[in-house]
Amino acid sequence: MAQIERSALVMYSAEQMFDLVNDVASYPQFLPGCRAAEVLYSDEDTLEARLELARAGLRQSFVTRNQLRRPEGMTLTLVEGPFADFSGEWRFTPLAPDACKVTFSLEFSFKSRLVGAAAGKLLSDLANQMVDVMCVRAEQIYGKTP
């Protein structure tokens, strides 16, 4: 099972970073390898979305259900997709009114070893970039911090 955890200290509030990560419909605009994102269901506590990832002719689609705890974080669980196991979490730990620690963790394994061999690198690469990509997106949306 692949396990990934990345974190960063950012000069944006936990609320700002939560809103940025929770804007799943915008992922294709800035997330490398994300070809499509469709919100299937959303309310105050839950967001269910389908993501389509593609690179080098390989394409994978999956649906996650995100349990939202604004602004502390969100827990990701698999609804549908090529995974045997899949769980993830975003955490936003306030450090000051305009600063927080962003942590992303993900664990996954594929049902098929063949699919895992082909798609595992795609998902691992994307997961490893998620925090950095969100930090760049925060600058684009909220502006540079001093």
C-alpha atoms as a PDB file:
ATOM      1  CA  MET A   1       0.000   0.000   0.000  1.00  0.00           C
ATOM      2  CA  ALA A   2       1.346   3.427  -0.943  1.00  0.00           C
ATOM      3  CA  GLN A   3       1.434   5.969   1.879  1.00  0.00           C
ATOM      4  CA  ILE A   4       2.085   9.646   1.307  1.00  0.00           C
ATOM      5  CA  GLU A   5       2.114  12.580   3.707  1.00  0.00           C
ATOM      6  CA  ARG A   6       3.114  16.130   2.860  1.00  0.00           C
ATOM      7  CA  SER A   7       2.772  19.381   4.771  1.00  0.00           C
ATOM      8  CA  ALA A   8       3.574  23.075   4.464  1.00  0.00           C
ATOM      9  CA  LEU A   9       3.346  26.204   6.567  1.00  0.00           C
ATOM     10  CA  VAL A  10       1.386  28.887   4.724  1.00  0.00           C
ATOM     11  CA  MET A  11       0.523  32.519   5.348  1.00  0.00           C
ATOM     12  CA  TYR A  12      -3.166  31.965   4.713  1.00  0.00           C
ATOM     13  CA  SER A  13      -5.882  31.145   7.228  1.00  0.00           C
ATOM     14  CA  ALA A  14      -7.175  27.624   7.798  1.00  0.00           C
ATOM     15  CA  GLU A  15     -10.532  28.812   6.424  1.00  0.00           C
ATOM     16  CA  GLN A  16      -8.932  30.067   3.207  1.00  0.00           C
ATOM     17  CA  MET A  17      -7.013  26.841   2.640  1.00  0.00           C
ATOM     18  CA  PHE A  18     -10.058  24.701   3.462  1.00  0.00           C
ATOM     19  CA  ASP A  19     -12.143  26.613   0.896  1.00  0.00           C
ATOM     20  CA  LEU A  20      -9.401  26.267  -1.710  1.00  0.00           C
ATOM     21  CA  VAL A  21      -9.053  22.487  -1.282  1.00  0.00           C
ATOM     22  CA  ASN A  22     -12.823  22.034  -1.091  1.00  0.00           C
ATOM     23  CA  ASP A  23     -13.280  23.744  -4.492  1.00  0.00           C
ATOM     24  CA  VAL A  24     -12.956  20.396  -6.273  1.00  0.00           C
ATOM     25  CA  ALA A  25     -14.781  21.616  -9.393  1.00  0.00           C
ATOM     26  CA  SER A  26     -11.832  23.958 -10.107  1.00  0.00           C
ATOM     27  CA  TYR A  27      -9.143  21.246  -9.935  1.00  0.00           C
ATOM     28  CA  PRO A  28      -8.838  20.811 -13.732  1.00  0.00           C
ATOM     29  CA  GLN A  29      -7.825  24.493 -13.981  1.00  0.00           C
ATOM     30  CA  PHE A  30      -4.663  24.055 -11.922  1.00  0.00           C
ATOM     31  CA  LEU A  31      -4.009  20.472 -10.821  1.00  0.00           C
ATOM     32  CA  PRO A  32      -1.533  18.673 -13.117  1.00  0.00           C
ATOM     33  CA  GLY A  33      -3.025  15.499 -14.556  1.00  0.00           C
ATOM     34  CA  CYS A  34      -6.606  16.311 -13.507  1.00  0.00           C
ATOM     35  CA  ARG A  35      -8.662  16.218 -16.710  1.00  0.00           C
ATOM     36  CA  ALA A  36     -12.139  16.494 -15.171  1.00  0.00           C
ATOM     37  CA  ALA A  37     -13.844  17.042 -11.834  1.00  0.00           C
ATOM     38  CA  GLU A  38     -17.556  16.728 -11.228  1.00  0.00           C
ATOM     39  CA  VAL A  39     -19.278  17.429  -7.926  1.00  0.00           C
ATOM     40  CA  LEU A  40     -21.967  14.755  -7.569  1.00  0.00           C
ATOM     41  CA  TYR A  41     -23.321  15.816  -4.179  1.00  0.00           C
ATOM     42  CA  SER A  42     -22.594  18.616  -1.755  1.00  0.00           C
ATOM     43  CA  ASP A  43     -23.971  19.839   1.546  1.00  0.00           C
ATOM     44  CA  GLU A  44     -22.488  21.451   4.656  1.00  0.00           C
ATOM     45  CA  ASP A  45     -20.835  18.228   5.886  1.00  0.00           C
ATOM     46  CA  THR A  46     -20.218  16.154   2.748  1.00  0.00           C
ATOM     47  CA  LEU A  47     -18.865  16.548  -0.750  1.00  0.00           C
ATOM     48  CA  GLU A  48     -18.935  13.680  -3.227  1.00  0.00           C
ATOM     49  CA  ALA A  49     -17.006  14.126  -6.461  1.00  0.00           C
ATOM     50  CA  ARG A  50     -15.652  12.244  -9.454  1.00  0.00           C
ATOM     51  CA  LEU A  51     -12.088  13.004 -10.544  1.00  0.00           C
ATOM     52  CA  GLU A  52     -10.535  11.928 -13.806  1.00  0.00           C
ATOM     53  CA  LEU A  53      -6.745  11.785 -13.879  1.00  0.00           C
ATOM     54  CA  ALA A  54      -4.743  11.273 -17.060  1.00  0.00           C
ATOM     55  CA  ARG A  55      -1.149  11.321 -18.201  1.00  0.00           C
ATOM     56  CA  ALA A  56       0.835   9.649 -20.957  1.00  0.00           C
ATOM     57  CA  GLY A  57      -2.248   7.938 -22.389  1.00  0.00           C
ATOM     58  CA  LEU A  58      -3.298   6.479 -19.034  1.00  0.00           C
ATOM     59  CA  ARG A  59      -6.673   7.561 -17.657  1.00  0.00           C
ATOM     60  CA  GLN A  60      -8.263   6.727 -14.295  1.00  0.00           C
ATOM     61  CA  SER A  61     -11.539   7.905 -12.803  1.00  0.00           C
ATOM     62  CA  PHE A  62     -12.746   7.565  -9.225  1.00  0.00           C
ATOM     63  CA  VAL A  63     -15.357   8.950  -6.841  1.00  0.00           C
ATOM     64  CA  THR A  64     -14.598  10.058  -3.295  1.00  0.00           C
ATOM     65  CA  ARG A  65     -16.800  11.136  -0.428  1.00  0.00           C
ATOM     66  CA  ASN A  66     -15.242  13.912   1.614  1.00  0.00           C
ATOM     67  CA  GLN A  67     -16.454  14.389   5.178  1.00  0.00           C
ATOM     68  CA  LEU A  68     -16.025  18.107   5.821  1.00  0.00           C
ATOM     69  CA  ARG A  69     -15.016  19.641   9.154  1.00  0.00           C
ATOM     70  CA  ARG A  70     -14.636  23.302   8.292  1.00  0.00           C
ATOM     71  CA  PRO A  71     -12.053  24.704   8.804  1.00  0.00           C
ATOM     72  CA  GLU A  72     -10.114  21.883  10.508  1.00  0.00           C
ATOM     73  CA  GLY A  73     -10.020  19.495   7.578  1.00  0.00           C
ATOM     74  CA  MET A  74     -11.687  16.792   5.538  1.00  0.00           C
ATOM     75  CA  THR A  75     -11.520  13.013   5.364  1.00  0.00           C
ATOM     76  CA  LEU A  76     -11.569  11.312   1.952  1.00  0.00           C
ATOM     77  CA  THR A  77     -13.036   7.841   1.408  1.00  0.00           C
ATOM     78  CA  LEU A  78     -13.546   5.869  -1.780  1.00  0.00           C
ATOM     79  CA  VAL A  79     -17.037   5.455  -3.220  1.00  0.00           C
ATOM     80  CA  GLU A  80     -16.106   4.006  -6.612  1.00  0.00           C
ATOM     81  CA  GLY A  81     -12.890   3.344  -8.464  1.00  0.00           C
ATOM     82  CA  PRO A  82      -9.973   1.012  -9.169  1.00  0.00           C
ATOM     83  CA  PHE A  83      -8.706   0.880  -5.581  1.00  0.00           C
ATOM     84  CA  ALA A  84      -8.692  -1.983  -3.098  1.00  0.00           C
ATOM     85  CA  ASP A  85      -7.963   0.553  -0.343  1.00  0.00           C
ATOM     86  CA  PHE A  86      -8.149   4.330  -0.431  1.00  0.00           C
ATOM     87  CA  SER A  87      -8.235   6.852   2.393  1.00  0.00           C
ATOM     88  CA  GLY A  88      -6.969  10.361   2.743  1.00  0.00           C
ATOM     89  CA  GLU A  89      -7.125  13.449   4.869  1.00  0.00           C
ATOM     90  CA  TRP A  90      -6.501  17.161   4.621  1.00  0.00           C
ATOM     91  CA  ARG A  91      -5.747  18.956   7.910  1.00  0.00           C
ATOM     92  CA  PHE A  92      -5.545  22.721   8.389  1.00  0.00           C
ATOM     93  CA  THR A  93      -3.982  23.620  11.737  1.00  0.00           C
ATOM     94  CA  PRO A  94      -4.279  27.326  12.616  1.00  0.00           C
ATOM     95  CA  LEU A  95      -0.988  28.922  13.687  1.00  0.00           C
ATOM     96  CA  ALA A  96      -2.206  32.535  13.676  1.00  0.00           C
ATOM     97  CA  PRO A  97      -5.257  34.336  12.273  1.00  0.00           C
ATOM     98  CA  ASP A  98      -3.572  34.458   8.856  1.00  0.00           C
ATOM     99  CA  ALA A  99      -1.347  31.363   8.934  1.00  0.00           C
ATOM    100  CA  CYS A 100      -1.784  27.608   9.161  1.00  0.00           C
ATOM    101  CA  LYS A 101      -0.106  24.276   8.666  1.00  0.00           C
ATOM    102  CA  VAL A 102      -1.546  22.316   5.732  1.00  0.00           C
ATOM    103  CA  THR A 103      -1.139  18.531   5.864  1.00  0.00           C
ATOM    104  CA  PHE A 104      -2.247  16.055   3.211  1.00  0.00           C
ATOM    105  CA  SER A 105      -2.056  12.302   3.762  1.00  0.00           C
ATOM    106  CA  LEU A 106      -3.125   9.519   1.431  1.00  0.00           C
ATOM    107  CA  GLU A 107      -3.009   5.720   1.526  1.00  0.00           C
ATOM    108  CA  PHE A 108      -4.037   3.598  -1.419  1.00  0.00           C
ATOM    109  CA  SER A 109      -3.637   0.290  -3.186  1.00  0.00           C
ATOM    110  CA  PHE A 110      -5.182  -0.899  -6.433  1.00  0.00           C
ATOM    111  CA  LYS A 111      -7.460  -3.915  -6.937  1.00  0.00           C
ATOM    112  CA  SER A 112      -5.414  -5.008  -9.941  1.00  0.00           C
ATOM    113  CA  ARG A 113      -1.627  -5.273  -9.855  1.00  0.00           C
ATOM    114  CA  LEU A 114      -1.552  -4.425 -13.552  1.00  0.00           C
ATOM    115  CA  VAL A 115      -3.580  -1.237 -13.027  1.00  0.00           C
ATOM    116  CA  GLY A 116      -1.492  -0.478  -9.948  1.00  0.00           C
ATOM    117  CA  ALA A 117       1.728  -0.774 -11.910  1.00  0.00           C
ATOM    118  CA  ALA A 118       0.429   1.578 -14.579  1.00  0.00           C
ATOM    119  CA  ALA A 119      -1.605   4.064 -12.531  1.00  0.00           C
ATOM    120  CA  GLY A 120       0.247   3.932  -9.226  1.00  0.00           C
ATOM    121  CA  LYS A 121       2.946   6.339 -10.382  1.00  0.00           C
ATOM    122  CA  LEU A 122       0.363   8.777 -11.752  1.00  0.00           C
ATOM    123  CA  LEU A 123      -1.485   8.928  -8.438  1.00  0.00           C
ATOM    124  CA  SER A 124       1.704   8.953  -6.339  1.00  0.00           C
ATOM    125  CA  ASP A 125       3.144  11.827  -8.362  1.00  0.00           C
ATOM    126  CA  LEU A 126      -0.076  13.802  -8.072  1.00  0.00           C
ATOM    127  CA  ALA A 127      -0.408  13.154  -4.337  1.00  0.00           C
ATOM    128  CA  ASN A 128       3.196  14.206  -3.761  1.00  0.00           C
ATOM    129  CA  GLN A 129       2.497  17.519  -5.528  1.00  0.00           C
ATOM    130  CA  MET A 130      -0.870  18.295  -3.914  1.00  0.00           C
ATOM    131  CA  VAL A 131       0.339  20.528  -1.074  1.00  0.00           C
ATOM    132  CA  ASP A 132       2.731  22.482  -3.312  1.00  0.00           C
ATOM    133  CA  VAL A 133       0.063  22.913  -5.981  1.00  0.00           C
ATOM    134  CA  MET A 134      -2.450  24.158  -3.389  1.00  0.00           C
ATOM    135  CA  CYS A 135       0.111  26.669  -2.070  1.00  0.00           C
ATOM    136  CA  VAL A 136       0.630  28.048  -5.589  1.00  0.00           C
ATOM    137  CA  ARG A 137      -3.140  28.174  -6.103  1.00  0.00           C
ATOM    138  CA  ALA A 138      -3.546  30.091  -2.816  1.00  0.00           C
ATOM    139  CA  GLU A 139      -1.132  32.739  -4.131  1.00  0.00           C
ATOM    140  CA  GLN A 140      -3.132  32.997  -7.359  1.00  0.00           C
ATOM    141  CA  ILE A 141      -6.482  33.299  -5.576  1.00  0.00           C
ATOM    142  CA  TYR A 142      -5.603  35.217  -2.394  1.00  0.00           C
ATOM    143  CA  GLY A 143      -2.478  37.087  -3.517  1.00  0.00           C
ATOM    144  CA  LYS A 144       1.116  36.875  -2.358  1.00  0.00           C
ATOM    145  CA  THR A 145       1.781  37.272   1.318  1.00  0.00           C
ATOM    146  CA  PRO A 146       4.518  39.548   2.714  1.00  0.00           C
END
